[in-house]
Structure formats: structure tokens, C-alpha cells
Amino acid sequence: MQNQKPYTILVLMNATPAWLTLSRSQRSCFVETELQPIFRRVSQTVTVRLFDSEYFHASVSDFMIVTTTVLHDYQLLIELLRDTPVYGIPYFRIVDIIVGQEALFEDFNELLNVGVR
């Protein structure tokens, strides 16, 4: 079997009125001063990408794509976010968290000597 495949974690969120009533400048400042330091703290093993989806989805306004091979560091990321207004006020309501690994079936085929036909 190959090296550990990275986990891809989708964190689906919906912005709350508390976030939406902040000015764009306040939101940018919050991301820069509160979120970016957290993302940097776990950046050796965790990659975080932020996306907007309010134009395309009725109940998910934003989502994060988190990639890591170290689930403990992903857990640290979430715990650190829980100590911020993202969860505390909350600025965002977490709609769902989806964890997967790309083409993991291939590893199981190899493990079971099934192969791809």
C-alpha cells in the first residue's frame, strides 16, 4: 500500500447575521488578525482554502476545504476556531463536515489483490 493519502475535509458553513452586519473592512480585519494566525499555526500539515457559495446554494453560504494527512492537526484547527467568534458569537453556523480520501478504493483493491479490471 502507498503512503498515507491526504484527507480532504469540507466544512460547510452558513454566515449568520452577526457576520453579515460587520462591514467588509471589519470582516477582512477579522480574517487577517484572527483566522490567518490559526491557519499559519497548522500550516506545516494542514492546508485551508476558503470559498464563497451564497450565489449557488440556499443553505451553505461558505465552505472551507481542508487538506491534511494528520487528523490531529485538523482537530487542532477546529479547536482553535472554536475559541474565536466564528463559533462563539457565532459568525458562522456549521452546516456539515464531510471527510474523504481521494480514490481510496484503489488502495483497498491493491490490499485485497483485486486489481482494476
PDB file of N, CA and C in Angstrom:
ATOM      1  N   MET A   1       0.847  -1.185   0.000  1.00  0.00           N
ATOM      2  CA  MET A   1       0.000   0.000   0.000  1.00  0.00           C
ATOM      3  C   MET A   1       0.888   1.243   0.000  1.00  0.00           C
ATOM      4  N   GLN A   2       0.416   2.301  -0.633  1.00  0.00           N
ATOM      5  CA  GLN A   2       1.163   3.538  -0.755  1.00  0.00           C
ATOM      6  C   GLN A   2       1.176   4.308   0.555  1.00  0.00           C
ATOM      7  N   ASN A   3       1.885   5.447   0.547  1.00  0.00           N
ATOM      8  CA  ASN A   3       1.889   6.343   1.705  1.00  0.00           C
ATOM      9  C   ASN A   3       0.471   6.794   2.023  1.00  0.00           C
ATOM     10  N   GLN A   4       0.302   7.303   3.217  1.00  0.00           N
ATOM     11  CA  GLN A   4      -0.986   7.827   3.668  1.00  0.00           C
ATOM     12  C   GLN A   4      -1.522   8.856   2.683  1.00  0.00           C
ATOM     13  N   LYS A   5      -2.706   8.614   2.158  1.00  0.00           N
ATOM     14  CA  LYS A   5      -3.348   9.608   1.298  1.00  0.00           C
ATOM     15  C   LYS A   5      -3.879  10.731   2.167  1.00  0.00           C
ATOM     16  N   PRO A   6      -3.846  11.950   1.658  1.00  0.00           N
ATOM     17  CA  PRO A   6      -4.379  13.052   2.463  1.00  0.00           C
ATOM     18  C   PRO A   6      -5.887  12.954   2.620  1.00  0.00           C
ATOM     19  N   TYR A   7      -6.351  13.459   3.736  1.00  0.00           N
ATOM     20  CA  TYR A   7      -7.779  13.623   3.964  1.00  0.00           C
ATOM     21  C   TYR A   7      -8.186  14.958   3.367  1.00  0.00           C
ATOM     22  N   THR A   8      -9.333  14.981   2.720  1.00  0.00           N
ATOM     23  CA  THR A   8      -9.927  16.228   2.270  1.00  0.00           C
ATOM     24  C   THR A   8     -11.199  16.414   3.077  1.00  0.00           C
ATOM     25  N   ILE A   9     -11.297  17.559   3.730  1.00  0.00           N
ATOM     26  CA  ILE A   9     -12.405  17.821   4.648  1.00  0.00           C
ATOM     27  C   ILE A   9     -13.142  19.059   4.163  1.00  0.00           C
ATOM     28  N   LEU A  10     -14.426  18.893   3.897  1.00  0.00           N
ATOM     29  CA  LEU A  10     -15.273  20.017   3.517  1.00  0.00           C
ATOM     30  C   LEU A  10     -16.023  20.464   4.752  1.00  0.00           C
ATOM     31  N   VAL A  11     -15.854  21.707   5.125  1.00  0.00           N
ATOM     32  CA  VAL A  11     -16.583  22.286   6.247  1.00  0.00           C
ATOM     33  C   VAL A  11     -17.598  23.247   5.639  1.00  0.00           C
ATOM     34  N   LEU A  12     -18.867  22.825   5.645  1.00  0.00           N
ATOM     35  CA  LEU A  12     -19.937  23.614   5.048  1.00  0.00           C
ATOM     36  C   LEU A  12     -20.503  24.546   6.101  1.00  0.00           C
ATOM     37  N   MET A  13     -20.610  25.841   5.758  1.00  0.00           N
ATOM     38  CA  MET A  13     -20.999  26.853   6.737  1.00  0.00           C
ATOM     39  C   MET A  13     -22.066  27.778   6.154  1.00  0.00           C
ATOM     40  N   ASN A  14     -22.771  28.418   7.053  1.00  0.00           N
ATOM     41  CA  ASN A  14     -23.716  29.451   6.657  1.00  0.00           C
ATOM     42  C   ASN A  14     -23.454  30.686   7.514  1.00  0.00           C
ATOM     43  N   ALA A  15     -23.220  31.808   6.850  1.00  0.00           N
ATOM     44  CA  ALA A  15     -22.954  33.059   7.559  1.00  0.00           C
ATOM     45  C   ALA A  15     -24.189  33.481   8.346  1.00  0.00           C
ATOM     46  N   THR A  16     -23.961  33.975   9.550  1.00  0.00           N
ATOM     47  CA  THR A  16     -25.057  34.445  10.399  1.00  0.00           C
ATOM     48  C   THR A  16     -25.201  35.961  10.256  1.00  0.00           C
ATOM     49  N   PRO A  17     -26.321  36.510  10.732  1.00  0.00           N
ATOM     50  CA  PRO A  17     -26.466  37.972  10.709  1.00  0.00           C
ATOM     51  C   PRO A  17     -25.336  38.703  11.438  1.00  0.00           C
ATOM     52  N   ALA A  18     -24.767  38.082  12.473  1.00  0.00           N
ATOM     53  CA  ALA A  18     -23.655  38.725  13.198  1.00  0.00           C
ATOM     54  C   ALA A  18     -22.469  38.982  12.264  1.00  0.00           C
ATOM     55  N   TRP A  19     -22.189  38.058  11.370  1.00  0.00           N
ATOM     56  CA  TRP A  19     -21.107  38.230  10.395  1.00  0.00           C
ATOM     57  C   TRP A  19     -21.504  39.233   9.316  1.00  0.00           C
ATOM     58  N   LEU A  20     -22.720  39.098   8.837  1.00  0.00           N
ATOM     59  CA  LEU A  20     -23.173  39.921   7.716  1.00  0.00           C
ATOM     60  C   LEU A  20     -23.337  41.391   8.086  1.00  0.00           C
ATOM     61  N   THR A  21     -23.550  41.687   9.363  1.00  0.00           N
ATOM     62  CA  THR A  21     -23.680  43.096   9.774  1.00  0.00           C
ATOM     63  C   THR A  21     -22.328  43.777   9.971  1.00  0.00           C
ATOM     64  N   LEU A  22     -21.250  43.009  10.000  1.00  0.00           N
ATOM     65  CA  LEU A  22     -19.920  43.618  10.036  1.00  0.00           C
ATOM     66  C   LEU A  22     -19.646  44.278   8.692  1.00  0.00           C
ATOM     67  N   SER A  23     -18.897  45.369   8.720  1.00  0.00           N
ATOM     68  CA  SER A  23     -18.502  45.993   7.457  1.00  0.00           C
ATOM     69  C   SER A  23     -17.497  45.084   6.749  1.00  0.00           C
ATOM     70  N   ARG A  24     -17.322  45.304   5.482  1.00  0.00           N
ATOM     71  CA  ARG A  24     -16.349  44.500   4.736  1.00  0.00           C
ATOM     72  C   ARG A  24     -14.948  44.699   5.303  1.00  0.00           C
ATOM     73  N   SER A  25     -14.653  45.886   5.740  1.00  0.00           N
ATOM     74  CA  SER A  25     -13.365  46.170   6.355  1.00  0.00           C
ATOM     75  C   SER A  25     -13.198  45.374   7.658  1.00  0.00           C
ATOM     76  N   GLN A  26     -14.248  45.331   8.481  1.00  0.00           N
ATOM     77  CA  GLN A  26     -14.191  44.563   9.730  1.00  0.00           C
ATOM     78  C   GLN A  26     -14.014  43.071   9.446  1.00  0.00           C
ATOM     79  N   ARG A  27     -14.685  42.570   8.439  1.00  0.00           N
ATOM     80  CA  ARG A  27     -14.546  41.148   8.080  1.00  0.00           C
ATOM     81  C   ARG A  27     -13.118  40.848   7.642  1.00  0.00           C
ATOM     82  N   SER A  28     -12.576  41.703   6.785  1.00  0.00           N
ATOM     83  CA  SER A  28     -11.198  41.492   6.314  1.00  0.00           C
ATOM     84  C   SER A  28     -10.209  41.542   7.469  1.00  0.00           C
ATOM     85  N   CYS A  29     -10.409  42.482   8.376  1.00  0.00           N
ATOM     86  CA  CYS A  29      -9.545  42.599   9.550  1.00  0.00           C
ATOM     87  C   CYS A  29      -9.640  41.342  10.417  1.00  0.00           C
ATOM     88  N   PHE A  30     -10.850  40.836  10.610  1.00  0.00           N
ATOM     89  CA  PHE A  30     -11.038  39.618  11.400  1.00  0.00           C
ATOM     90  C   PHE A  30     -10.299  38.442  10.772  1.00  0.00           C
ATOM     91  N   VAL A  31     -10.437  38.276   9.475  1.00  0.00           N
ATOM     92  CA  VAL A  31      -9.757  37.171   8.794  1.00  0.00           C
ATOM     93  C   VAL A  31      -8.250  37.316   8.964  1.00  0.00           C
ATOM     94  N   GLU A  32      -7.745  38.526   8.788  1.00  0.00           N
ATOM     95  CA  GLU A  32      -6.306  38.752   8.877  1.00  0.00           C
ATOM     96  C   GLU A  32      -5.765  38.573  10.292  1.00  0.00           C
ATOM     97  N   THR A  33      -6.485  39.093  11.294  1.00  0.00           N
ATOM     98  CA  THR A  33      -5.940  39.087  12.663  1.00  0.00           C
ATOM     99  C   THR A  33      -6.324  37.847  13.468  1.00  0.00           C
ATOM    100  N   GLU A  34      -7.456  37.230  13.162  1.00  0.00           N
ATOM    101  CA  GLU A  34      -7.929  36.084  13.948  1.00  0.00           C
ATOM    102  C   GLU A  34      -7.732  34.745  13.236  1.00  0.00           C
ATOM    103  N   LEU A  35      -8.080  34.691  11.948  1.00  0.00           N
ATOM    104  CA  LEU A  35      -8.057  33.409  11.247  1.00  0.00           C
ATOM    105  C   LEU A  35      -6.696  33.075  10.650  1.00  0.00           C
ATOM    106  N   GLN A  36      -6.067  34.034   9.990  1.00  0.00           N
ATOM    107  CA  GLN A  36      -4.779  33.738   9.361  1.00  0.00           C
ATOM    108  C   GLN A  36      -3.728  33.229  10.346  1.00  0.00           C
ATOM    109  N   PRO A  37      -3.630  33.773  11.568  1.00  0.00           N
ATOM    110  CA  PRO A  37      -2.665  33.199  12.520  1.00  0.00           C
ATOM    111  C   PRO A  37      -2.956  31.724  12.858  1.00  0.00           C
ATOM    112  N   ILE A  38      -4.225  31.371  12.924  1.00  0.00           N
ATOM    113  CA  ILE A  38      -4.587  29.969  13.182  1.00  0.00           C
ATOM    114  C   ILE A  38      -4.178  29.111  11.995  1.00  0.00           C
ATOM    115  N   PHE A  39      -4.477  29.578  10.786  1.00  0.00           N
ATOM    116  CA  PHE A  39      -4.118  28.818   9.591  1.00  0.00           C
ATOM    117  C   PHE A  39      -2.602  28.648   9.497  1.00  0.00           C
ATOM    118  N   ARG A  40      -1.865  29.698   9.841  1.00  0.00           N
ATOM    119  CA  ARG A  40      -0.395  29.590   9.823  1.00  0.00           C
ATOM    120  C   ARG A  40       0.101  28.605  10.880  1.00  0.00           C
ATOM    121  N   ARG A  41      -0.547  28.580  12.019  1.00  0.00           N
ATOM    122  CA  ARG A  41      -0.104  27.698  13.118  1.00  0.00           C
ATOM    123  C   ARG A  41      -0.135  26.225  12.707  1.00  0.00           C
ATOM    124  N   VAL A  42      -1.092  25.838  11.887  1.00  0.00           N
ATOM    125  CA  VAL A  42      -1.212  24.435  11.479  1.00  0.00           C
ATOM    126  C   VAL A  42      -0.700  24.199  10.061  1.00  0.00           C
ATOM    127  N   SER A  43      -0.094  25.205   9.448  1.00  0.00           N
ATOM    128  CA  SER A  43       0.214  25.157   8.024  1.00  0.00           C
ATOM    129  C   SER A  43       1.259  24.128   7.608  1.00  0.00           C
ATOM    130  N   GLN A  44       2.032  23.598   8.535  1.00  0.00           N
ATOM    131  CA  GLN A  44       3.009  22.568   8.153  1.00  0.00           C
ATOM    132  C   GLN A  44       2.321  21.291   7.706  1.00  0.00           C
ATOM    133  N   THR A  45       1.134  21.027   8.241  1.00  0.00           N
ATOM    134  CA  THR A  45       0.449  19.769   7.918  1.00  0.00           C
ATOM    135  C   THR A  45      -0.980  19.962   7.428  1.00  0.00           C
ATOM    136  N   VAL A  46      -1.482  21.182   7.478  1.00  0.00           N
ATOM    137  CA  VAL A  46      -2.877  21.442   7.118  1.00  0.00           C
ATOM    138  C   VAL A  46      -2.925  22.606   6.119  1.00  0.00           C
ATOM    139  N   THR A  47      -3.669  22.392   5.047  1.00  0.00           N
ATOM    140  CA  THR A  47      -3.930  23.450   4.080  1.00  0.00           C
ATOM    141  C   THR A  47      -5.398  23.827   4.178  1.00  0.00           C
ATOM    142  N   VAL A  48      -5.668  25.129   4.262  1.00  0.00           N
ATOM    143  CA  VAL A  48      -7.045  25.620   4.374  1.00  0.00           C
ATOM    144  C   VAL A  48      -7.316  26.559   3.202  1.00  0.00           C
ATOM    145  N   ARG A  49      -8.415  26.297   2.508  1.00  0.00           N
ATOM    146  CA  ARG A  49      -8.863  27.171   1.429  1.00  0.00           C
ATOM    147  C   ARG A  49     -10.294  27.588   1.737  1.00  0.00           C
ATOM    148  N   LEU A  50     -10.594  28.874   1.527  1.00  0.00           N
ATOM    149  CA  LEU A  50     -11.914  29.425   1.832  1.00  0.00           C
ATOM    150  C   LEU A  50     -12.667  29.723   0.535  1.00  0.00           C
ATOM    151  N   PHE A  51     -13.961  29.382   0.528  1.00  0.00           N
ATOM    152  CA  PHE A  51     -14.785  29.554  -0.667  1.00  0.00           C
ATOM    153  C   PHE A  51     -16.109  30.212  -0.306  1.00  0.00           C
ATOM    154  N   ASP A  52     -16.634  30.993  -1.243  1.00  0.00           N
ATOM    155  CA  ASP A  52     -17.980  31.559  -1.135  1.00  0.00           C
ATOM    156  C   ASP A  52     -18.907  30.732  -2.013  1.00  0.00           C
ATOM    157  N   SER A  53     -20.117  30.502  -1.540  1.00  0.00           N
ATOM    158  CA  SER A  53     -21.079  29.751  -2.345  1.00  0.00           C
ATOM    159  C   SER A  53     -22.493  30.303  -2.247  1.00  0.00           C
ATOM    160  N   GLU A  54     -22.653  31.466  -1.618  1.00  0.00           N
ATOM    161  CA  GLU A  54     -24.001  32.001  -1.414  1.00  0.00           C
ATOM    162  C   GLU A  54     -24.737  32.269  -2.721  1.00  0.00           C
ATOM    163  N   TYR A  55     -24.001  32.408  -3.794  1.00  0.00           N
ATOM    164  CA  TYR A  55     -24.639  32.664  -5.086  1.00  0.00           C
ATOM    165  C   TYR A  55     -25.234  31.397  -5.690  1.00  0.00           C
ATOM    166  N   PHE A  56     -24.829  30.251  -5.177  1.00  0.00           N
ATOM    167  CA  PHE A  56     -25.172  28.985  -5.807  1.00  0.00           C
ATOM    168  C   PHE A  56     -25.903  28.002  -4.896  1.00  0.00           C
ATOM    169  N   HIS A  57     -25.977  28.312  -3.609  1.00  0.00           N
ATOM    170  CA  HIS A  57     -26.565  27.362  -2.669  1.00  0.00           C
ATOM    171  C   HIS A  57     -27.408  28.118  -1.653  1.00  0.00           C
ATOM    172  N   ALA A  58     -28.582  27.609  -1.355  1.00  0.00           N
ATOM    173  CA  ALA A  58     -29.506  28.321  -0.468  1.00  0.00           C
ATOM    174  C   ALA A  58     -29.145  28.211   1.009  1.00  0.00           C
ATOM    175  N   SER A  59     -28.524  27.118   1.445  1.00  0.00           N
ATOM    176  CA  SER A  59     -28.272  26.951   2.880  1.00  0.00           C
ATOM    177  C   SER A  59     -26.793  26.874   3.242  1.00  0.00           C
ATOM    178  N   VAL A  60     -25.911  26.942   2.259  1.00  0.00           N
ATOM    179  CA  VAL A  60     -24.467  26.959   2.516  1.00  0.00           C
ATOM    180  C   VAL A  60     -23.907  28.197   1.834  1.00  0.00           C
ATOM    181  N   SER A  61     -23.510  29.177   2.641  1.00  0.00           N
ATOM    182  CA  SER A  61     -23.004  30.423   2.059  1.00  0.00           C
ATOM    183  C   SER A  61     -21.500  30.397   1.840  1.00  0.00           C
ATOM    184  N   ASP A  62     -20.812  29.549   2.594  1.00  0.00           N
ATOM    185  CA  ASP A  62     -19.352  29.493   2.539  1.00  0.00           C
ATOM    186  C   ASP A  62     -18.912  28.072   2.861  1.00  0.00           C
ATOM    187  N   PHE A  63     -17.708  27.736   2.425  1.00  0.00           N
ATOM    188  CA  PHE A  63     -17.142  26.460   2.848  1.00  0.00           C
ATOM    189  C   PHE A  63     -15.630  26.532   2.853  1.00  0.00           C
ATOM    190  N   MET A  64     -15.045  25.657   3.664  1.00  0.00           N
ATOM    191  CA  MET A  64     -13.596  25.503   3.724  1.00  0.00           C
ATOM    192  C   MET A  64     -13.263  24.143   3.143  1.00  0.00           C
ATOM    193  N   ILE A  65     -12.190  24.087   2.408  1.00  0.00           N
ATOM    194  CA  ILE A  65     -11.613  22.809   2.024  1.00  0.00           C
ATOM    195  C   ILE A  65     -10.304  22.699   2.790  1.00  0.00           C
ATOM    196  N   VAL A  66     -10.246  21.709   3.641  1.00  0.00           N
ATOM    197  CA  VAL A  66      -9.073  21.468   4.480  1.00  0.00           C
ATOM    198  C   VAL A  66      -8.421  20.180   3.988  1.00  0.00           C
ATOM    199  N   THR A  67      -7.118  20.214   3.794  1.00  0.00           N
ATOM    200  CA  THR A  67      -6.385  19.028   3.359  1.00  0.00           C
ATOM    201  C   THR A  67      -5.277  18.755   4.368  1.00  0.00           C
ATOM    202  N   THR A  68      -5.178  17.477   4.775  1.00  0.00           N
ATOM    203  CA  THR A  68      -4.137  17.099   5.737  1.00  0.00           C
ATOM    204  C   THR A  68      -3.930  15.591   5.718  1.00  0.00           C
ATOM    205  N   THR A  69      -2.768  15.150   6.152  1.00  0.00           N
ATOM    206  CA  THR A  69      -2.539  13.733   6.419  1.00  0.00           C
ATOM    207  C   THR A  69      -2.519  13.478   7.922  1.00  0.00           C
ATOM    208  N   VAL A  70      -2.645  14.550   8.705  1.00  0.00           N
ATOM    209  CA  VAL A  70      -2.567  14.453  10.157  1.00  0.00           C
ATOM    210  C   VAL A  70      -3.884  14.947  10.749  1.00  0.00           C
ATOM    211  N   LEU A  71      -4.789  14.018  11.028  1.00  0.00           N
ATOM    212  CA  LEU A  71      -6.111  14.404  11.539  1.00  0.00           C
ATOM    213  C   LEU A  71      -6.021  15.146  12.866  1.00  0.00           C
ATOM    214  N   HIS A  72      -5.041  14.837  13.674  1.00  0.00           N
ATOM    215  CA  HIS A  72      -4.878  15.537  14.949  1.00  0.00           C
ATOM    216  C   HIS A  72      -4.694  17.039  14.722  1.00  0.00           C
ATOM    217  N   ASP A  73      -3.958  17.406  13.683  1.00  0.00           N
ATOM    218  CA  ASP A  73      -3.737  18.823  13.404  1.00  0.00           C
ATOM    219  C   ASP A  73      -4.997  19.489  12.852  1.00  0.00           C
ATOM    220  N   TYR A  74      -5.806  18.733  12.117  1.00  0.00           N
ATOM    221  CA  TYR A  74      -7.122  19.245  11.705  1.00  0.00           C
ATOM    222  C   TYR A  74      -7.972  19.495  12.956  1.00  0.00           C
ATOM    223  N   GLN A  75      -7.944  18.563  13.899  1.00  0.00           N
ATOM    224  CA  GLN A  75      -8.694  18.744  15.150  1.00  0.00           C
ATOM    225  C   GLN A  75      -8.217  19.992  15.883  1.00  0.00           C
ATOM    226  N   LEU A  76      -6.897  20.224  15.886  1.00  0.00           N
ATOM    227  CA  LEU A  76      -6.350  21.435  16.500  1.00  0.00           C
ATOM    228  C   LEU A  76      -6.906  22.672  15.801  1.00  0.00           C
ATOM    229  N   LEU A  77      -6.943  22.655  14.481  1.00  0.00           N
ATOM    230  CA  LEU A  77      -7.511  23.767  13.718  1.00  0.00           C
ATOM    231  C   LEU A  77      -8.931  24.068  14.181  1.00  0.00           C
ATOM    232  N   ILE A  78      -9.757  23.051  14.277  1.00  0.00           N
ATOM    233  CA  ILE A  78     -11.154  23.246  14.673  1.00  0.00           C
ATOM    234  C   ILE A  78     -11.239  23.747  16.115  1.00  0.00           C
ATOM    235  N   GLU A  79     -10.446  23.199  17.006  1.00  0.00           N
ATOM    236  CA  GLU A  79     -10.456  23.662  18.402  1.00  0.00           C
ATOM    237  C   GLU A  79     -10.053  25.131  18.494  1.00  0.00           C
ATOM    238  N   LEU A  80      -9.043  25.518  17.726  1.00  0.00           N
ATOM    239  CA  LEU A  80      -8.620  26.922  17.737  1.00  0.00           C
ATOM    240  C   LEU A  80      -9.712  27.828  17.160  1.00  0.00           C
ATOM    241  N   LEU A  81     -10.398  27.375  16.125  1.00  0.00           N
ATOM    242  CA  LEU A  81     -11.509  28.146  15.572  1.00  0.00           C
ATOM    243  C   LEU A  81     -12.658  28.269  16.561  1.00  0.00           C
ATOM    244  N   ARG A  82     -12.838  27.240  17.376  1.00  0.00           N
ATOM    245  CA  ARG A  82     -13.912  27.265  18.374  1.00  0.00           C
ATOM    246  C   ARG A  82     -13.674  28.345  19.430  1.00  0.00           C
ATOM    247  N   ASP A  83     -12.433  28.762  19.577  1.00  0.00           N
ATOM    248  CA  ASP A  83     -12.100  29.813  20.546  1.00  0.00           C
ATOM    249  C   ASP A  83     -12.235  31.213  19.949  1.00  0.00           C
ATOM    250  N   THR A  84     -12.739  31.312  18.733  1.00  0.00           N
ATOM    251  CA  THR A  84     -12.917  32.597  18.071  1.00  0.00           C
ATOM    252  C   THR A  84     -14.412  32.878  17.899  1.00  0.00           C
ATOM    253  N   PRO A  85     -14.742  34.080  17.491  1.00  0.00           N
ATOM    254  CA  PRO A  85     -16.145  34.399  17.220  1.00  0.00           C
ATOM    255  C   PRO A  85     -16.768  33.593  16.071  1.00  0.00           C
ATOM    256  N   VAL A  86     -15.941  32.910  15.259  1.00  0.00           N
ATOM    257  CA  VAL A  86     -16.504  32.065  14.207  1.00  0.00           C
ATOM    258  C   VAL A  86     -17.539  31.130  14.816  1.00  0.00           C
ATOM    259  N   TYR A  87     -17.164  30.486  15.909  1.00  0.00           N
ATOM    260  CA  TYR A  87     -18.083  29.597  16.613  1.00  0.00           C
ATOM    261  C   TYR A  87     -18.788  30.313  17.762  1.00  0.00           C
ATOM    262  N   GLY A  88     -18.079  31.206  18.439  1.00  0.00           N
ATOM    263  CA  GLY A  88     -18.557  31.777  19.697  1.00  0.00           C
ATOM    264  C   GLY A  88     -19.738  32.712  19.581  1.00  0.00           C
ATOM    265  N   ILE A  89     -19.744  33.584  18.606  1.00  0.00           N
ATOM    266  CA  ILE A  89     -20.847  34.556  18.524  1.00  0.00           C
ATOM    267  C   ILE A  89     -22.127  33.897  18.016  1.00  0.00           C
ATOM    268  N   PRO A  90     -22.273  33.105  17.112  1.00  0.00           N
ATOM    269  CA  PRO A  90     -21.333  32.683  16.076  1.00  0.00           C
ATOM    270  C   PRO A  90     -21.414  33.566  14.843  1.00  0.00           C
ATOM    271  N   TYR A  91     -20.271  33.662  14.151  1.00  0.00           N
ATOM    272  CA  TYR A  91     -20.261  34.330  12.856  1.00  0.00           C
ATOM    273  C   TYR A  91     -20.743  33.376  11.768  1.00  0.00           C
ATOM    274  N   PHE A  92     -20.513  32.086  11.998  1.00  0.00           N
ATOM    275  CA  PHE A  92     -20.935  31.069  11.033  1.00  0.00           C
ATOM    276  C   PHE A  92     -21.561  29.897  11.767  1.00  0.00           C
ATOM    277  N   ARG A  93     -22.572  29.336  11.162  1.00  0.00           N
ATOM    278  CA  ARG A  93     -23.178  28.098  11.650  1.00  0.00           C
ATOM    279  C   ARG A  93     -22.611  26.974  10.791  1.00  0.00           C
ATOM    280  N   ILE A  94     -22.104  25.946  11.447  1.00  0.00           N
ATOM    281  CA  ILE A  94     -21.547  24.812  10.712  1.00  0.00           C
ATOM    282  C   ILE A  94     -22.719  23.932  10.270  1.00  0.00           C
ATOM    283  N   VAL A  95     -22.877  23.777   8.971  1.00  0.00           N
ATOM    284  CA  VAL A  95     -23.978  23.006   8.400  1.00  0.00           C
ATOM    285  C   VAL A  95     -23.623  21.527   8.370  1.00  0.00           C
ATOM    286  N   ASP A  96     -22.388  21.230   7.969  1.00  0.00           N
ATOM    287  CA  ASP A  96     -21.968  19.833   7.870  1.00  0.00           C
ATOM    288  C   ASP A  96     -20.459  19.794   7.715  1.00  0.00           C
ATOM    289  N   ILE A  97     -19.878  18.651   8.046  1.00  0.00           N
ATOM    290  CA  ILE A  97     -18.460  18.396   7.822  1.00  0.00           C
ATOM    291  C   ILE A  97     -18.379  17.055   7.105  1.00  0.00           C
ATOM    292  N   ILE A  98     -17.701  17.048   5.974  1.00  0.00           N
ATOM    293  CA  ILE A  98     -17.578  15.844   5.151  1.00  0.00           C
ATOM    294  C   ILE A  98     -16.097  15.529   5.000  1.00  0.00           C
ATOM    295  N   VAL A  99     -15.717  14.303   5.357  1.00  0.00           N
ATOM    296  CA  VAL A  99     -14.319  13.880   5.289  1.00  0.00           C
ATOM    297  C   VAL A  99     -14.197  12.762   4.268  1.00  0.00           C
ATOM    298  N   GLY A 100     -13.193  12.836   3.425  1.00  0.00           N
ATOM    299  CA  GLY A 100     -12.962  11.781   2.444  1.00  0.00           C
ATOM    300  C   GLY A 100     -11.503  11.707   2.068  1.00  0.00           C
ATOM    301  N   GLN A 101     -11.189  10.639   1.352  1.00  0.00           N
ATOM    302  CA  GLN A 101      -9.858  10.459   0.792  1.00  0.00           C
ATOM    303  C   GLN A 101     -10.026  10.095  -0.676  1.00  0.00           C
ATOM    304  N   GLU A 102      -9.238  10.741  -1.524  1.00  0.00           N
ATOM    305  CA  GLU A 102      -9.384  10.571  -2.957  1.00  0.00           C
ATOM    306  C   GLU A 102      -9.051   9.146  -3.395  1.00  0.00           C
ATOM    307  N   ALA A 103      -9.955   8.556  -4.173  1.00  0.00           N
ATOM    308  CA  ALA A 103      -9.761   7.245  -4.804  1.00  0.00           C
ATOM    309  C   ALA A 103      -9.256   6.194  -3.817  1.00  0.00           C
ATOM    310  N   LEU A 104      -9.784   6.197  -2.615  1.00  0.00           N
ATOM    311  CA  LEU A 104      -9.332   5.249  -1.592  1.00  0.00           C
ATOM    312  C   LEU A 104      -9.621   3.807  -1.994  1.00  0.00           C
ATOM    313  N   PHE A 105     -10.624   3.604  -2.821  1.00  0.00           N
ATOM    314  CA  PHE A 105     -10.950   2.252  -3.275  1.00  0.00           C
ATOM    315  C   PHE A 105      -9.753   1.593  -3.958  1.00  0.00           C
ATOM    316  N   GLU A 106      -8.889   2.388  -4.605  1.00  0.00           N
ATOM    317  CA  GLU A 106      -7.719   1.820  -5.267  1.00  0.00           C
ATOM    318  C   GLU A 106      -6.795   1.142  -4.265  1.00  0.00           C
ATOM    319  N   ASP A 107      -6.625   1.738  -3.093  1.00  0.00           N
ATOM    320  CA  ASP A 107      -5.792   1.136  -2.052  1.00  0.00           C
ATOM    321  C   ASP A 107      -6.392  -0.175  -1.565  1.00  0.00           C
ATOM    322  N   PHE A 108      -7.703  -0.192  -1.415  1.00  0.00           N
ATOM    323  CA  PHE A 108      -8.346  -1.426  -0.964  1.00  0.00           C
ATOM    324  C   PHE A 108      -8.271  -2.507  -2.035  1.00  0.00           C
ATOM    325  N   ASN A 109      -8.391  -2.133  -3.306  1.00  0.00           N
ATOM    326  CA  ASN A 109      -8.221  -3.113  -4.377  1.00  0.00           C
ATOM    327  C   ASN A 109      -6.833  -3.717  -4.325  1.00  0.00           C
ATOM    328  N   GLU A 110      -5.824  -2.865  -4.132  1.00  0.00           N
ATOM    329  CA  GLU A 110      -4.442  -3.348  -4.044  1.00  0.00           C
ATOM    330  C   GLU A 110      -4.280  -4.247  -2.822  1.00  0.00           C
ATOM    331  N   LEU A 111      -4.837  -3.834  -1.705  1.00  0.00           N
ATOM    332  CA  LEU A 111      -4.729  -4.604  -0.472  1.00  0.00           C
ATOM    333  C   LEU A 111      -5.382  -5.988  -0.625  1.00  0.00           C
ATOM    334  N   LEU A 112      -6.495  -6.034  -1.301  1.00  0.00           N
ATOM    335  CA  LEU A 112      -7.224  -7.287  -1.485  1.00  0.00           C
ATOM    336  C   LEU A 112      -6.814  -8.047  -2.737  1.00  0.00           C
ATOM    337  N   ASN A 113      -5.801  -7.514  -3.438  1.00  0.00           N
ATOM    338  CA  ASN A 113      -5.312  -8.127  -4.689  1.00  0.00           C
ATOM    339  C   ASN A 113      -6.422  -8.285  -5.718  1.00  0.00           C
ATOM    340  N   VAL A 114      -7.369  -7.363  -5.700  1.00  0.00           N
ATOM    341  CA  VAL A 114      -8.466  -7.430  -6.652  1.00  0.00           C
ATOM    342  C   VAL A 114      -8.024  -6.833  -7.982  1.00  0.00           C
ATOM    343  N   GLY A 115      -7.320  -5.730  -7.907  1.00  0.00           N
ATOM    344  CA  GLY A 115      -6.893  -5.040  -9.116  1.00  0.00           C
ATOM    345  C   GLY A 115      -8.075  -4.403  -9.828  1.00  0.00           C
ATOM    346  N   VAL A 116      -7.764  -3.544 -10.727  1.00  0.00           N
ATOM    347  CA  VAL A 116      -8.779  -2.874 -11.529  1.00  0.00           C
ATOM    348  C   VAL A 116      -8.907  -3.625 -12.836  1.00  0.00           C
ATOM    349  N   ARG A 117     -10.104  -3.988 -13.184  1.00  0.00           N
ATOM    350  CA  ARG A 117     -10.326  -4.746 -14.428  1.00  0.00           C
ATOM    351  C   ARG A 117     -10.951  -3.872 -15.470  1.00  0.00           C
TER     352      ARG A 117
END
